[in-house]
Protein backbone atom coordinates (compact mmCIF):
# COMPACT_ATOMS: atom_id res chain seq x y z
CA UNK A 1 3.01 0.04 2.98
CA UNK A 2 2.03 -3.05 5.27
CA UNK A 3 4.00 -6.40 6.42
CA UNK A 4 3.22 -9.83 5.65
CA UNK A 5 2.72 -10.65 9.32
CA UNK A 6 0.52 -8.11 10.12
CA UNK A 7 -3.07 -9.74 10.15
CA UNK A 8 -4.49 -6.37 9.52
CA UNK A 9 -2.23 -5.62 6.67
CA UNK A 10 -3.32 -9.54 5.45
CA UNK A 11 -6.93 -8.82 5.77
CA UNK A 12 -6.45 -5.81 3.98
CA UNK A 13 -4.73 -7.20 1.12
CA UNK A 14 -7.23 -8.64 0.02
CA UNK A 15 -9.65 -6.14 0.01
CA UNK A 16 -6.62 -4.25 -1.93
CA UNK A 17 -6.87 -7.36 -4.72
CA UNK A 18 -10.20 -6.44 -5.48
CA UNK A 19 -9.82 -3.10 -6.29
CA UNK A 20 -6.77 -3.01 -7.83
CA UNK A 21 -8.41 -3.50 -11.50
CA UNK A 22 -10.89 -0.23 -11.13
CA UNK A 23 -8.28 1.33 -9.63
CA UNK A 24 -5.64 0.70 -12.45
CA UNK A 25 -8.59 1.32 -15.03
CA UNK A 26 -9.03 4.53 -13.99
CA UNK A 27 -5.17 5.30 -14.13
CA UNK A 28 -4.08 5.01 -10.88
CA UNK A 29 -0.63 3.32 -10.60
CA UNK A 30 -0.12 0.58 -7.33
CA UNK A 31 3.16 0.76 -5.48
CA UNK A 32 3.26 -1.88 -2.51
CA UNK A 33 5.75 -0.97 -0.19
CA UNK A 34 6.20 -4.09 2.42
CA UNK A 35 8.72 -3.57 5.58
CA UNK A 36 8.64 -6.99 6.84
CA UNK A 37 11.60 -7.92 8.72
CA UNK A 38 12.24 -11.24 6.77
CA UNK A 39 12.91 -10.72 2.78
CA UNK A 40 11.95 -14.09 2.59
CA UNK A 41 8.32 -13.56 4.06
CA UNK A 42 8.21 -10.69 1.87
CA UNK A 43 8.76 -12.47 -1.41
CA UNK A 44 6.74 -15.52 -0.45
CA UNK A 45 3.77 -13.39 0.31
CA UNK A 46 3.50 -10.69 -2.32
CA UNK A 47 4.94 -12.80 -5.35
CA UNK A 48 1.68 -13.17 -7.32
CA UNK A 49 0.33 -9.40 -6.31
CA UNK A 50 -0.40 -7.61 -10.32
CA UNK A 51 0.98 -4.76 -9.05
CA UNK A 52 4.58 -3.13 -7.90
CA UNK A 53 5.96 -4.38 -4.25
CA UNK A 54 8.66 -3.35 -3.08
CA UNK A 55 10.58 -4.27 0.17
CA UNK A 56 12.00 -1.78 3.02
CA UNK A 57 14.50 -3.95 4.84
CA UNK A 58 15.23 -0.45 7.11
CA UNK A 59 11.81 -1.36 7.90
CA UNK A 60 10.42 1.33 10.40
CA UNK A 61 13.43 3.72 10.32
CA UNK A 62 13.34 3.26 6.91
CA UNK A 63 12.86 6.55 4.25
CA UNK A 64 9.51 6.59 2.82
CA UNK A 65 8.18 5.37 7.12
CA UNK A 66 10.20 8.24 8.21
CA UNK A 67 8.90 11.05 5.91
CA UNK A 68 5.88 9.58 5.59
CA UNK A 69 4.98 9.72 9.43
CA UNK A 70 3.69 5.84 9.01
CA UNK A 71 2.51 5.00 12.51
CA UNK A 72 1.16 2.11 11.86
CA UNK A 73 0.06 -0.86 9.48
CA UNK A 74 -1.75 -0.95 6.86
CA UNK A 75 -1.60 2.57 5.56
CA UNK A 76 -2.24 4.24 2.18
CA UNK A 77 -1.21 6.74 -0.01
CA UNK A 78 -2.50 8.52 -2.90
CA UNK A 79 -0.08 11.05 -4.68
CA UNK A 80 -0.59 13.20 -7.82
CA UNK A 81 2.07 12.76 -10.65
CA UNK A 82 4.39 15.54 -8.96
CA UNK A 83 4.37 13.11 -5.93
CA UNK A 84 2.12 15.75 -3.54
CA UNK A 85 0.76 13.67 -0.89
CA UNK A 86 -3.23 13.74 -1.61
CA UNK A 87 -4.50 11.10 0.75
CA UNK A 88 -3.67 8.97 3.77
CA UNK A 89 -6.19 6.02 4.65
CA UNK A 90 -5.72 3.23 7.06
CA UNK A 91 -6.91 0.55 4.76
CA UNK A 92 -8.07 -0.27 1.13
CA UNK A 93 -11.54 0.24 2.31
CA UNK A 94 -11.02 3.61 2.64
CA UNK A 95 -8.93 4.63 -0.11
CA UNK A 96 -11.20 3.10 -2.54
CA UNK A 97 -14.26 5.02 -1.07
CA UNK A 98 -12.12 8.46 -1.39
CA UNK A 99 -11.25 7.87 -5.14
CA UNK A 100 -14.80 7.06 -5.95
CA UNK A 101 -15.92 10.38 -4.43
CA UNK A 102 -12.75 12.29 -5.91
CA UNK A 103 -12.20 9.85 -9.31
CA UNK A 104 -15.45 9.59 -11.21
């Protein structure tokens, strides 16, 4: 989860672009949820992403934000096929190293 106007999210987005093909090759799907204030900002920043992107216009009051108790962006989550939370990471690098260690 992130926002196009968040500097840390912008940096993390570039890391996610680097890791995406490796993750997809191992069978992981990426769904990026943006909590951008403006739908136009979301559409402009994430338009070229090869993974699924969603915009939550409720932002910090959104269902996912509330359910996952999101306290900052960027934050990445790994779920199993039954949607059980496996890992919460502060950035794409942290998630990548966890995936490498746990899914060889």
